[in-house]
Amino acid sequence: MEQTHKDFLRAIVASAIGERAMPASWKPDTPLLGSLAELDSMALLAILTRIEEDFGVLVDDSEISADIFESVGSLEQFVGAKLAR
């Protein structure tokens, strides 16, 4: 995924959980789900909705799992795979 897409994805997550809740560094191994109290079910839904709208992809309910939100890298890989289709 291009750097601009990673930055855009960071902005999507920041808008869902709040900039102050964002990890200080944004690396592939930065944990997300279970590490950020602000990353609740409503935030996950907001992130998935924005990914669909902003990246122009469709996320099927059967694709959604906690693994996608395990880390920054897993979320980036998921979006990258969606964009490659």
Protein backbone atom coordinates (compact mmCIF):
# COMPACT_ATOMS: atom_id res chain seq x y z
CA MET A 1 0.00 0.00 0.00
CA GLU A 2 1.36 3.44 -0.87
CA GLN A 3 2.38 5.77 1.92
CA THR A 4 -0.51 8.09 1.12
CA HIS A 5 -2.97 5.26 1.71
CA LYS A 6 -1.35 4.47 5.05
CA ASP A 7 -1.59 8.12 6.06
CA PHE A 8 -5.20 8.23 4.94
CA LEU A 9 -5.95 5.08 6.95
CA ARG A 10 -4.34 6.65 10.02
CA ALA A 11 -6.62 9.68 9.58
CA ILE A 12 -9.66 7.38 9.39
CA VAL A 13 -8.69 5.64 12.64
CA ALA A 14 -7.91 8.98 14.32
CA SER A 15 -11.31 10.35 13.38
CA ALA A 16 -13.02 7.26 14.84
CA ILE A 17 -11.15 7.13 18.15
CA GLY A 18 -9.92 10.70 18.55
CA GLU A 19 -6.49 12.06 17.78
CA ARG A 20 -5.43 12.02 21.46
CA ALA A 21 -6.12 8.27 21.66
CA MET A 22 -3.87 7.51 18.70
CA PRO A 23 -0.62 5.68 19.45
CA ALA A 24 2.37 8.04 19.47
CA SER A 25 3.99 6.03 16.71
CA TRP A 26 2.17 4.29 13.88
CA LYS A 27 4.12 1.14 12.99
CA PRO A 28 2.92 -2.16 11.54
CA ASP A 29 3.35 -3.90 14.90
CA THR A 30 1.44 -1.23 16.87
CA PRO A 31 -1.43 -3.07 18.57
CA LEU A 32 -4.96 -1.77 18.10
CA LEU A 33 -7.85 -3.94 19.29
CA GLY A 34 -7.54 -4.60 23.00
CA SER A 35 -4.91 -1.88 23.42
CA LEU A 36 -7.05 1.19 22.85
CA ALA A 37 -10.13 1.60 25.03
CA GLU A 38 -11.54 4.02 22.46
CA LEU A 39 -11.51 1.32 19.78
CA ASP A 40 -14.95 -0.03 20.66
CA SER A 41 -17.62 -1.56 18.45
CA MET A 42 -18.90 1.83 17.33
CA ALA A 43 -15.39 2.95 16.37
CA LEU A 44 -14.84 -0.28 14.44
CA LEU A 45 -18.06 0.28 12.53
CA ALA A 46 -17.06 3.88 11.79
CA ILE A 47 -13.65 2.75 10.53
CA LEU A 48 -15.12 0.06 8.27
CA THR A 49 -17.71 2.49 6.91
CA ARG A 50 -15.06 5.10 6.13
CA ILE A 51 -12.83 2.47 4.50
CA GLU A 52 -15.71 1.53 2.22
CA GLU A 53 -16.60 5.13 1.42
CA ASP A 54 -13.15 6.68 1.17
CA PHE A 55 -11.35 3.81 -0.56
CA GLY A 56 -14.33 2.78 -2.69
CA VAL A 57 -14.32 -0.85 -1.59
CA LEU A 58 -16.99 -3.16 -0.24
CA VAL A 59 -16.39 -5.03 3.02
CA ASP A 60 -18.63 -8.08 3.28
CA ASP A 61 -19.85 -9.06 6.74
CA SER A 62 -18.14 -12.45 6.34
CA GLU A 63 -14.75 -10.69 6.01
CA ILE A 64 -14.96 -8.87 9.32
CA SER A 65 -13.00 -10.36 12.20
CA ALA A 66 -10.94 -9.20 15.15
CA ASP A 67 -7.82 -10.22 13.21
CA ILE A 68 -8.24 -7.21 10.92
CA PHE A 69 -7.89 -4.85 13.89
CA GLU A 70 -5.16 -6.75 15.74
CA SER A 71 -2.47 -4.28 14.70
CA VAL A 72 -1.79 -1.37 12.41
CA GLY A 73 -0.15 -3.79 9.99
CA SER A 74 -3.11 -6.16 9.86
CA LEU A 75 -5.47 -3.26 9.15
CA GLU A 76 -3.14 -1.92 6.45
CA GLN A 77 -2.88 -5.40 4.88
CA PHE A 78 -6.66 -5.77 4.86
CA VAL A 79 -7.14 -2.43 3.12
CA GLY A 80 -4.26 -3.15 0.74
CA ALA A 81 -5.84 -6.47 -0.24
CA LYS A 82 -9.20 -4.76 -0.81
CA LEU A 83 -7.57 -2.14 -3.03
CA ALA A 84 -5.71 -4.79 -5.04
CA ARG A 85 -8.95 -6.47 -6.12
